[in-house]
Amino acid sequence: MTNSSQSIPDAPVDHLRFHRPHAHLAPTFGNDRFALRAEAFARFFGTPTFLGAQTLIVLVWMGLNLAGVVHFDAYPFILLNLAFSLQAAYAAPLILLAQTRQAARDKAQMEADAQHREALAVANSERQAQAAHNTAQLLELLEQNTRLTEMTKALTERIDTLTTEMHQKFVSKSSLQ
Protein backbone atom coordinates (compact mmCIF):
# COMPACT_ATOMS: atom_id res chain seq x y z
CA MET A 1 0.00 0.00 0.00
CA THR A 2 1.62 3.23 -1.15
CA ASN A 3 0.45 6.54 0.17
CA SER A 4 1.11 9.55 -2.05
CA SER A 5 1.32 11.85 0.97
CA GLN A 6 4.18 9.75 2.35
CA SER A 7 6.36 10.63 -0.65
CA ILE A 8 6.31 14.32 0.32
CA PRO A 9 8.19 15.18 3.52
CA ASP A 10 6.00 16.61 6.24
CA ALA A 11 7.29 20.18 6.50
CA PRO A 12 5.65 22.55 8.95
CA VAL A 13 3.31 24.96 7.21
CA ASP A 14 4.00 28.64 7.83
CA HIS A 15 0.49 30.07 7.88
CA LEU A 16 1.77 33.66 8.15
CA ARG A 17 4.10 33.46 5.13
CA PHE A 18 1.97 35.86 3.08
CA HIS A 19 2.08 38.52 5.78
CA ARG A 20 5.86 38.60 6.09
CA PRO A 21 7.89 41.19 4.11
CA HIS A 22 9.27 40.00 0.80
CA ALA A 23 13.01 39.82 1.47
CA HIS A 24 13.86 39.44 -2.23
CA LEU A 25 12.65 43.02 -2.91
CA ALA A 26 15.30 44.59 -0.67
CA PRO A 27 18.30 44.26 -3.02
CA THR A 28 16.53 45.93 -5.95
CA PHE A 29 15.19 49.04 -4.27
CA GLY A 30 16.53 48.83 -0.76
CA ASN A 31 14.81 49.38 2.51
CA ASP A 32 17.16 52.13 3.58
CA ARG A 33 15.85 55.35 5.04
CA PHE A 34 16.08 57.31 1.77
CA ALA A 35 14.13 54.74 -0.25
CA LEU A 36 11.38 54.50 2.34
CA ARG A 37 11.14 58.29 2.79
CA ALA A 38 11.16 58.89 -0.96
CA GLU A 39 8.37 56.40 -1.45
CA ALA A 40 6.35 57.89 1.41
CA PHE A 41 6.85 61.38 -0.01
CA ALA A 42 5.82 60.23 -3.49
CA ARG A 43 2.70 58.63 -2.06
CA PHE A 44 1.91 61.91 -0.26
CA PHE A 45 1.86 63.79 -3.61
CA GLY A 46 -1.52 62.31 -4.54
CA THR A 47 -3.33 62.96 -1.29
CA PRO A 48 -6.02 65.61 -0.79
CA THR A 49 -3.94 67.06 2.04
CA PHE A 50 -1.04 67.77 -0.31
CA LEU A 51 -3.28 69.23 -3.00
CA GLY A 52 -5.10 71.41 -0.48
CA ALA A 53 -1.87 72.64 1.13
CA GLN A 54 -0.29 73.39 -2.24
CA THR A 55 -3.37 75.30 -3.38
CA LEU A 56 -3.37 77.30 -0.16
CA ILE A 57 0.34 78.14 -0.49
CA VAL A 58 -0.12 79.26 -4.10
CA LEU A 59 -3.13 81.43 -3.21
CA VAL A 60 -1.27 83.05 -0.30
CA TRP A 61 1.84 83.52 -2.44
CA MET A 62 -0.10 85.17 -5.26
CA GLY A 63 -2.32 87.17 -2.87
CA LEU A 64 0.62 88.60 -0.91
CA ASN A 65 2.48 89.54 -4.10
CA LEU A 66 -0.55 91.01 -5.89
CA ALA A 67 -1.65 92.98 -2.81
CA GLY A 68 1.82 94.45 -2.48
CA VAL A 69 2.41 93.11 1.03
CA VAL A 70 5.64 91.55 -0.24
CA HIS A 71 7.51 92.05 -3.50
CA PHE A 72 9.71 88.98 -3.85
CA ASP A 73 7.80 87.58 -6.89
CA ALA A 74 6.02 90.14 -9.09
CA TYR A 75 3.08 89.45 -11.42
CA PRO A 76 4.27 86.86 -13.91
CA PHE A 77 5.29 84.90 -10.79
CA ILE A 78 8.58 83.65 -12.22
CA LEU A 79 9.76 82.37 -8.82
CA LEU A 80 6.49 80.46 -8.31
CA ASN A 81 6.86 78.97 -11.78
CA LEU A 82 10.44 77.95 -10.93
CA ALA A 83 9.22 76.37 -7.66
CA PHE A 84 6.65 74.34 -9.60
CA SER A 85 9.31 73.23 -12.09
CA LEU A 86 11.61 72.19 -9.27
CA GLN A 87 8.77 70.32 -7.59
CA ALA A 88 7.94 68.52 -10.86
CA ALA A 89 11.60 67.64 -11.41
CA TYR A 90 11.68 65.82 -8.08
CA ALA A 91 8.11 64.54 -8.08
CA ALA A 92 8.32 62.59 -11.34
CA PRO A 93 11.26 60.34 -10.34
CA LEU A 94 9.82 59.86 -6.84
CA ILE A 95 6.46 58.83 -8.27
CA LEU A 96 8.19 56.46 -10.69
CA LEU A 97 10.17 55.00 -7.78
CA ALA A 98 6.97 54.44 -5.79
CA GLN A 99 5.25 52.86 -8.80
CA THR A 100 8.22 50.58 -9.50
CA ARG A 101 8.41 49.46 -5.89
CA GLN A 102 4.65 48.84 -5.83
CA ALA A 103 4.84 46.88 -9.08
CA ALA A 104 7.62 44.75 -7.59
CA ARG A 105 5.52 44.13 -4.46
CA ASP A 106 2.49 43.27 -6.60
CA LYS A 107 4.59 40.84 -8.64
CA ALA A 108 5.94 39.20 -5.49
CA GLN A 109 2.42 38.92 -4.09
CA MET A 110 1.18 37.48 -7.38
CA GLU A 111 3.99 34.89 -7.38
CA ALA A 112 3.26 34.00 -3.75
CA ASP A 113 -0.43 33.64 -4.60
CA ALA A 114 0.42 31.42 -7.57
CA GLN A 115 2.63 29.23 -5.38
CA HIS A 116 -0.13 29.04 -2.80
CA ARG A 117 -2.71 28.08 -5.43
CA GLU A 118 -0.32 25.43 -6.78
CA ALA A 119 0.22 24.04 -3.28
CA LEU A 120 -3.55 23.96 -2.76
CA ALA A 121 -4.01 22.15 -6.09
CA VAL A 122 -1.37 19.56 -5.18
CA ALA A 123 -2.90 19.05 -1.73
CA ASN A 124 -6.36 18.74 -3.31
CA SER A 125 -5.08 16.16 -5.80
CA GLU A 126 -3.49 14.20 -2.98
CA ARG A 127 -6.73 14.32 -0.97
CA GLN A 128 -8.72 13.16 -4.00
CA ALA A 129 -6.28 10.30 -4.60
CA GLN A 130 -6.47 9.32 -0.92
CA ALA A 131 -10.28 9.51 -1.04
CA ALA A 132 -10.33 7.27 -4.14
CA HIS A 133 -7.98 4.83 -2.42
CA ASN A 134 -10.16 4.83 0.73
CA THR A 135 -13.28 4.31 -1.39
CA ALA A 136 -11.68 1.33 -3.13
CA GLN A 137 -10.70 -0.12 0.25
CA LEU A 138 -14.23 0.39 1.58
CA LEU A 139 -15.73 -1.32 -1.46
CA GLU A 140 -13.34 -4.25 -1.02
CA LEU A 141 -14.25 -4.49 2.67
CA LEU A 142 -17.96 -4.39 1.79
CA GLU A 143 -17.47 -7.22 -0.71
CA GLN A 144 -15.56 -9.24 1.89
CA ASN A 145 -18.31 -8.54 4.42
CA THR A 146 -20.94 -9.69 1.93
CA ARG A 147 -18.99 -12.91 1.23
CA LEU A 148 -18.54 -13.53 4.97
CA THR A 149 -22.24 -12.91 5.58
CA GLU A 150 -23.14 -15.39 2.82
CA MET A 151 -20.69 -17.95 4.26
CA THR A 152 -22.14 -17.42 7.74
CA LYS A 153 -25.65 -17.91 6.39
CA ALA A 154 -24.63 -21.09 4.56
CA LEU A 155 -22.87 -22.45 7.64
CA THR A 156 -25.84 -21.55 9.85
CA GLU A 157 -28.18 -23.36 7.46
CA ARG A 158 -25.84 -26.37 7.39
CA ILE A 159 -25.66 -26.40 11.20
CA ASP A 160 -29.46 -26.18 11.35
CA THR A 161 -29.79 -29.09 8.93
CA LEU A 162 -27.27 -31.20 10.85
CA THR A 163 -28.93 -30.34 14.15
CA THR A 164 -32.31 -31.35 12.74
CA GLU A 165 -30.89 -34.63 11.39
CA MET A 166 -29.20 -35.42 14.70
CA HIS A 167 -32.37 -34.61 16.58
CA GLN A 168 -34.38 -36.91 14.34
CA LYS A 169 -31.84 -39.73 14.80
CA PHE A 170 -31.86 -39.35 18.57
CA VAL A 171 -35.65 -39.17 18.68
CA SER A 172 -36.01 -42.25 16.47
CA LYS A 173 -33.47 -44.24 18.56
CA SER A 174 -35.15 -43.33 21.79
CA SER A 175 -38.58 -44.32 20.45
CA LEU A 176 -37.18 -47.76 19.49
CA GLN A 177 -35.97 -48.54 22.98
C-alpha atoms as a PDB file:
ATOM      1  CA  MET A   1       0.000   0.000   0.000  1.00  0.00           C
ATOM      2  CA  THR A   2       1.624   3.226  -1.149  1.00  0.00           C
ATOM      3  CA  ASN A   3       0.450   6.537   0.165  1.00  0.00           C
ATOM      4  CA  SER A   4       1.113   9.553  -2.046  1.00  0.00           C
ATOM      5  CA  SER A   5       1.319  11.852   0.967  1.00  0.00           C
ATOM      6  CA  GLN A   6       4.183   9.752   2.352  1.00  0.00           C
ATOM      7  CA  SER A   7       6.363  10.629  -0.646  1.00  0.00           C
ATOM      8  CA  ILE A   8       6.312  14.325   0.320  1.00  0.00           C
ATOM      9  CA  PRO A   9       8.194  15.178   3.521  1.00  0.00           C
ATOM     10  CA  ASP A  10       6.000  16.615   6.236  1.00  0.00           C
ATOM     11  CA  ALA A  11       7.286  20.180   6.497  1.00  0.00           C
ATOM     12  CA  PRO A  12       5.651  22.549   8.952  1.00  0.00           C
ATOM     13  CA  VAL A  13       3.312  24.959   7.212  1.00  0.00           C
ATOM     14  CA  ASP A  14       4.001  28.644   7.825  1.00  0.00           C
ATOM     15  CA  HIS A  15       0.491  30.068   7.876  1.00  0.00           C
ATOM     16  CA  LEU A  16       1.772  33.659   8.146  1.00  0.00           C
ATOM     17  CA  ARG A  17       4.099  33.458   5.130  1.00  0.00           C
ATOM     18  CA  PHE A  18       1.965  35.863   3.075  1.00  0.00           C
ATOM     19  CA  HIS A  19       2.080  38.521   5.780  1.00  0.00           C
ATOM     20  CA  ARG A  20       5.862  38.603   6.086  1.00  0.00           C
ATOM     21  CA  PRO A  21       7.891  41.190   4.113  1.00  0.00           C
ATOM     22  CA  HIS A  22       9.266  39.998   0.799  1.00  0.00           C
ATOM     23  CA  ALA A  23      13.009  39.824   1.468  1.00  0.00           C
ATOM     24  CA  HIS A  24      13.857  39.443  -2.229  1.00  0.00           C
ATOM     25  CA  LEU A  25      12.653  43.019  -2.908  1.00  0.00           C
ATOM     26  CA  ALA A  26      15.302  44.587  -0.669  1.00  0.00           C
ATOM     27  CA  PRO A  27      18.301  44.261  -3.018  1.00  0.00           C
ATOM     28  CA  THR A  28      16.535  45.928  -5.948  1.00  0.00           C
ATOM     29  CA  PHE A  29      15.187  49.042  -4.273  1.00  0.00           C
ATOM     30  CA  GLY A  30      16.531  48.831  -0.764  1.00  0.00           C
ATOM     31  CA  ASN A  31      14.815  49.377   2.515  1.00  0.00           C
ATOM     32  CA  ASP A  32      17.156  52.129   3.576  1.00  0.00           C
ATOM     33  CA  ARG A  33      15.852  55.352   5.038  1.00  0.00           C
ATOM     34  CA  PHE A  34      16.082  57.311   1.772  1.00  0.00           C
ATOM     35  CA  ALA A  35      14.126  54.743  -0.253  1.00  0.00           C
ATOM     36  CA  LEU A  36      11.380  54.496   2.340  1.00  0.00           C
ATOM     37  CA  ARG A  37      11.143  58.294   2.794  1.00  0.00           C
ATOM     38  CA  ALA A  38      11.161  58.887  -0.959  1.00  0.00           C
ATOM     39  CA  GLU A  39       8.365  56.403  -1.451  1.00  0.00           C
ATOM     40  CA  ALA A  40       6.353  57.894   1.412  1.00  0.00           C
ATOM     41  CA  PHE A  41       6.848  61.378  -0.009  1.00  0.00           C
ATOM     42  CA  ALA A  42       5.822  60.234  -3.494  1.00  0.00           C
ATOM     43  CA  ARG A  43       2.697  58.634  -2.061  1.00  0.00           C
ATOM     44  CA  PHE A  44       1.915  61.910  -0.256  1.00  0.00           C
ATOM     45  CA  PHE A  45       1.859  63.790  -3.615  1.00  0.00           C
ATOM     46  CA  GLY A  46      -1.517  62.307  -4.544  1.00  0.00           C
ATOM     47  CA  THR A  47      -3.327  62.962  -1.291  1.00  0.00           C
ATOM     48  CA  PRO A  48      -6.019  65.611  -0.791  1.00  0.00           C
ATOM     49  CA  THR A  49      -3.938  67.060   2.043  1.00  0.00           C
ATOM     50  CA  PHE A  50      -1.036  67.765  -0.307  1.00  0.00           C
ATOM     51  CA  LEU A  51      -3.279  69.234  -2.996  1.00  0.00           C
ATOM     52  CA  GLY A  52      -5.104  71.415  -0.484  1.00  0.00           C
ATOM     53  CA  ALA A  53      -1.867  72.643   1.130  1.00  0.00           C
ATOM     54  CA  GLN A  54      -0.285  73.394  -2.243  1.00  0.00           C
ATOM     55  CA  THR A  55      -3.374  75.304  -3.380  1.00  0.00           C
ATOM     56  CA  LEU A  56      -3.375  77.299  -0.158  1.00  0.00           C
ATOM     57  CA  ILE A  57       0.339  78.138  -0.488  1.00  0.00           C
ATOM     58  CA  VAL A  58      -0.120  79.256  -4.103  1.00  0.00           C
ATOM     59  CA  LEU A  59      -3.126  81.429  -3.211  1.00  0.00           C
ATOM     60  CA  VAL A  60      -1.274  83.045  -0.298  1.00  0.00           C
ATOM     61  CA  TRP A  61       1.839  83.525  -2.443  1.00  0.00           C
ATOM     62  CA  MET A  62      -0.103  85.166  -5.258  1.00  0.00           C
ATOM     63  CA  GLY A  63      -2.325  87.171  -2.868  1.00  0.00           C
ATOM     64  CA  LEU A  64       0.625  88.595  -0.910  1.00  0.00           C
ATOM     65  CA  ASN A  65       2.484  89.540  -4.100  1.00  0.00           C
ATOM     66  CA  LEU A  66      -0.551  91.014  -5.888  1.00  0.00           C
ATOM     67  CA  ALA A  67      -1.649  92.980  -2.814  1.00  0.00           C
ATOM     68  CA  GLY A  68       1.821  94.448  -2.478  1.00  0.00           C
ATOM     69  CA  VAL A  69       2.409  93.110   1.033  1.00  0.00           C
ATOM     70  CA  VAL A  70       5.645  91.551  -0.238  1.00  0.00           C
ATOM     71  CA  HIS A  71       7.509  92.055  -3.499  1.00  0.00           C
ATOM     72  CA  PHE A  72       9.709  88.979  -3.846  1.00  0.00           C
ATOM     73  CA  ASP A  73       7.804  87.581  -6.893  1.00  0.00           C
ATOM     74  CA  ALA A  74       6.023  90.145  -9.085  1.00  0.00           C
ATOM     75  CA  TYR A  75       3.081  89.447 -11.416  1.00  0.00           C
ATOM     76  CA  PRO A  76       4.273  86.859 -13.915  1.00  0.00           C
ATOM     77  CA  PHE A  77       5.291  84.904 -10.795  1.00  0.00           C
ATOM     78  CA  ILE A  78       8.583  83.652 -12.220  1.00  0.00           C
ATOM     79  CA  LEU A  79       9.757  82.373  -8.820  1.00  0.00           C
ATOM     80  CA  LEU A  80       6.491  80.459  -8.311  1.00  0.00           C
ATOM     81  CA  ASN A  81       6.864  78.972 -11.777  1.00  0.00           C
ATOM     82  CA  LEU A  82      10.441  77.948 -10.925  1.00  0.00           C
ATOM     83  CA  ALA A  83       9.220  76.368  -7.656  1.00  0.00           C
ATOM     84  CA  PHE A  84       6.645  74.336  -9.599  1.00  0.00           C
ATOM     85  CA  SER A  85       9.305  73.233 -12.094  1.00  0.00           C
ATOM     86  CA  LEU A  86      11.611  72.194  -9.270  1.00  0.00           C
ATOM     87  CA  GLN A  87       8.775  70.317  -7.593  1.00  0.00           C
ATOM     88  CA  ALA A  88       7.936  68.524 -10.859  1.00  0.00           C
ATOM     89  CA  ALA A  89      11.604  67.644 -11.412  1.00  0.00           C
ATOM     90  CA  TYR A  90      11.684  65.822  -8.081  1.00  0.00           C
ATOM     91  CA  ALA A  91       8.110  64.535  -8.079  1.00  0.00           C
ATOM     92  CA  ALA A  92       8.325  62.592 -11.338  1.00  0.00           C
ATOM     93  CA  PRO A  93      11.261  60.345 -10.335  1.00  0.00           C
ATOM     94  CA  LEU A  94       9.820  59.861  -6.841  1.00  0.00           C
ATOM     95  CA  ILE A  95       6.459  58.832  -8.268  1.00  0.00           C
ATOM     96  CA  LEU A  96       8.186  56.455 -10.688  1.00  0.00           C
ATOM     97  CA  LEU A  97      10.166  55.005  -7.778  1.00  0.00           C
ATOM     98  CA  ALA A  98       6.973  54.438  -5.793  1.00  0.00           C
ATOM     99  CA  GLN A  99       5.250  52.855  -8.803  1.00  0.00           C
ATOM    100  CA  THR A 100       8.215  50.582  -9.504  1.00  0.00           C
ATOM    101  CA  ARG A 101       8.407  49.465  -5.885  1.00  0.00           C
ATOM    102  CA  GLN A 102       4.649  48.843  -5.825  1.00  0.00           C
ATOM    103  CA  ALA A 103       4.840  46.881  -9.080  1.00  0.00           C
ATOM    104  CA  ALA A 104       7.617  44.746  -7.589  1.00  0.00           C
ATOM    105  CA  ARG A 105       5.523  44.130  -4.461  1.00  0.00           C
ATOM    106  CA  ASP A 106       2.495  43.272  -6.600  1.00  0.00           C
ATOM    107  CA  LYS A 107       4.589  40.842  -8.637  1.00  0.00           C
ATOM    108  CA  ALA A 108       5.942  39.204  -5.485  1.00  0.00           C
ATOM    109  CA  GLN A 109       2.419  38.923  -4.090  1.00  0.00           C
ATOM    110  CA  MET A 110       1.183  37.475  -7.377  1.00  0.00           C
ATOM    111  CA  GLU A 111       3.989  34.885  -7.378  1.00  0.00           C
ATOM    112  CA  ALA A 112       3.264  33.999  -3.755  1.00  0.00           C
ATOM    113  CA  ASP A 113      -0.429  33.642  -4.599  1.00  0.00           C
ATOM    114  CA  ALA A 114       0.420  31.419  -7.569  1.00  0.00           C
ATOM    115  CA  GLN A 115       2.628  29.227  -5.378  1.00  0.00           C
ATOM    116  CA  HIS A 116      -0.132  29.044  -2.802  1.00  0.00           C
ATOM    117  CA  ARG A 117      -2.711  28.076  -5.433  1.00  0.00           C
ATOM    118  CA  GLU A 118      -0.323  25.427  -6.776  1.00  0.00           C
ATOM    119  CA  ALA A 119       0.218  24.038  -3.280  1.00  0.00           C
ATOM    120  CA  LEU A 120      -3.552  23.956  -2.762  1.00  0.00           C
ATOM    121  CA  ALA A 121      -4.011  22.147  -6.087  1.00  0.00           C
ATOM    122  CA  VAL A 122      -1.370  19.557  -5.181  1.00  0.00           C
ATOM    123  CA  ALA A 123      -2.898  19.050  -1.732  1.00  0.00           C
ATOM    124  CA  ASN A 124      -6.361  18.741  -3.310  1.00  0.00           C
ATOM    125  CA  SER A 125      -5.083  16.162  -5.797  1.00  0.00           C
ATOM    126  CA  GLU A 126      -3.489  14.203  -2.976  1.00  0.00           C
ATOM    127  CA  ARG A 127      -6.735  14.325  -0.972  1.00  0.00           C
ATOM    128  CA  GLN A 128      -8.722  13.162  -4.003  1.00  0.00           C
ATOM    129  CA  ALA A 129      -6.284  10.296  -4.603  1.00  0.00           C
ATOM    130  CA  GLN A 130      -6.473   9.323  -0.922  1.00  0.00           C
ATOM    131  CA  ALA A 131     -10.283   9.514  -1.038  1.00  0.00           C
ATOM    132  CA  ALA A 132     -10.332   7.271  -4.142  1.00  0.00           C
ATOM    133  CA  HIS A 133      -7.978   4.828  -2.417  1.00  0.00           C
ATOM    134  CA  ASN A 134     -10.160   4.835   0.732  1.00  0.00           C
ATOM    135  CA  THR A 135     -13.283   4.312  -1.388  1.00  0.00           C
ATOM    136  CA  ALA A 136     -11.678   1.332  -3.127  1.00  0.00           C
ATOM    137  CA  GLN A 137     -10.701  -0.121   0.251  1.00  0.00           C
ATOM    138  CA  LEU A 138     -14.235   0.395   1.581  1.00  0.00           C
ATOM    139  CA  LEU A 139     -15.728  -1.324  -1.460  1.00  0.00           C
ATOM    140  CA  GLU A 140     -13.343  -4.248  -1.023  1.00  0.00           C
ATOM    141  CA  LEU A 141     -14.248  -4.490   2.665  1.00  0.00           C
ATOM    142  CA  LEU A 142     -17.958  -4.386   1.786  1.00  0.00           C
ATOM    143  CA  GLU A 143     -17.468  -7.219  -0.711  1.00  0.00           C
ATOM    144  CA  GLN A 144     -15.560  -9.236   1.891  1.00  0.00           C
ATOM    145  CA  ASN A 145     -18.311  -8.541   4.418  1.00  0.00           C
ATOM    146  CA  THR A 146     -20.935  -9.693   1.931  1.00  0.00           C
ATOM    147  CA  ARG A 147     -18.986 -12.913   1.235  1.00  0.00           C
ATOM    148  CA  LEU A 148     -18.536 -13.527   4.973  1.00  0.00           C
ATOM    149  CA  THR A 149     -22.236 -12.910   5.582  1.00  0.00           C
ATOM    150  CA  GLU A 150     -23.138 -15.390   2.821  1.00  0.00           C
ATOM    151  CA  MET A 151     -20.695 -17.949   4.256  1.00  0.00           C
ATOM    152  CA  THR A 152     -22.141 -17.417   7.739  1.00  0.00           C
ATOM    153  CA  LYS A 153     -25.648 -17.907   6.389  1.00  0.00           C
ATOM    154  CA  ALA A 154     -24.630 -21.092   4.559  1.00  0.00           C
ATOM    155  CA  LEU A 155     -22.868 -22.451   7.645  1.00  0.00           C
ATOM    156  CA  THR A 156     -25.839 -21.545   9.848  1.00  0.00           C
ATOM    157  CA  GLU A 157     -28.181 -23.359   7.456  1.00  0.00           C
ATOM    158  CA  ARG A 158     -25.843 -26.365   7.391  1.00  0.00           C
ATOM    159  CA  ILE A 159     -25.663 -26.401  11.202  1.00  0.00           C
ATOM    160  CA  ASP A 160     -29.462 -26.183  11.351  1.00  0.00           C
ATOM    161  CA  THR A 161     -29.789 -29.092   8.925  1.00  0.00           C
ATOM    162  CA  LEU A 162     -27.266 -31.200  10.855  1.00  0.00           C
ATOM    163  CA  THR A 163     -28.934 -30.341  14.148  1.00  0.00           C
ATOM    164  CA  THR A 164     -32.309 -31.349  12.744  1.00  0.00           C
ATOM    165  CA  GLU A 165     -30.890 -34.629  11.393  1.00  0.00           C
ATOM    166  CA  MET A 166     -29.204 -35.421  14.701  1.00  0.00           C
ATOM    167  CA  HIS A 167     -32.373 -34.607  16.576  1.00  0.00           C
ATOM    168  CA  GLN A 168     -34.383 -36.910  14.344  1.00  0.00           C
ATOM    169  CA  LYS A 169     -31.844 -39.731  14.803  1.00  0.00           C
ATOM    170  CA  PHE A 170     -31.859 -39.350  18.570  1.00  0.00           C
ATOM    171  CA  VAL A 171     -35.648 -39.171  18.679  1.00  0.00           C
ATOM    172  CA  SER A 172     -36.011 -42.250  16.469  1.00  0.00           C
ATOM    173  CA  LYS A 173     -33.472 -44.235  18.558  1.00  0.00           C
ATOM    174  CA  SER A 174     -35.151 -43.331  21.795  1.00  0.00           C
ATOM    175  CA  SER A 175     -38.581 -44.318  20.445  1.00  0.00           C
ATOM    176  CA  LEU A 176     -37.178 -47.757  19.490  1.00  0.00           C
ATOM    177  CA  GLN A 177     -35.974 -48.539  22.979  1.00  0.00           C
END
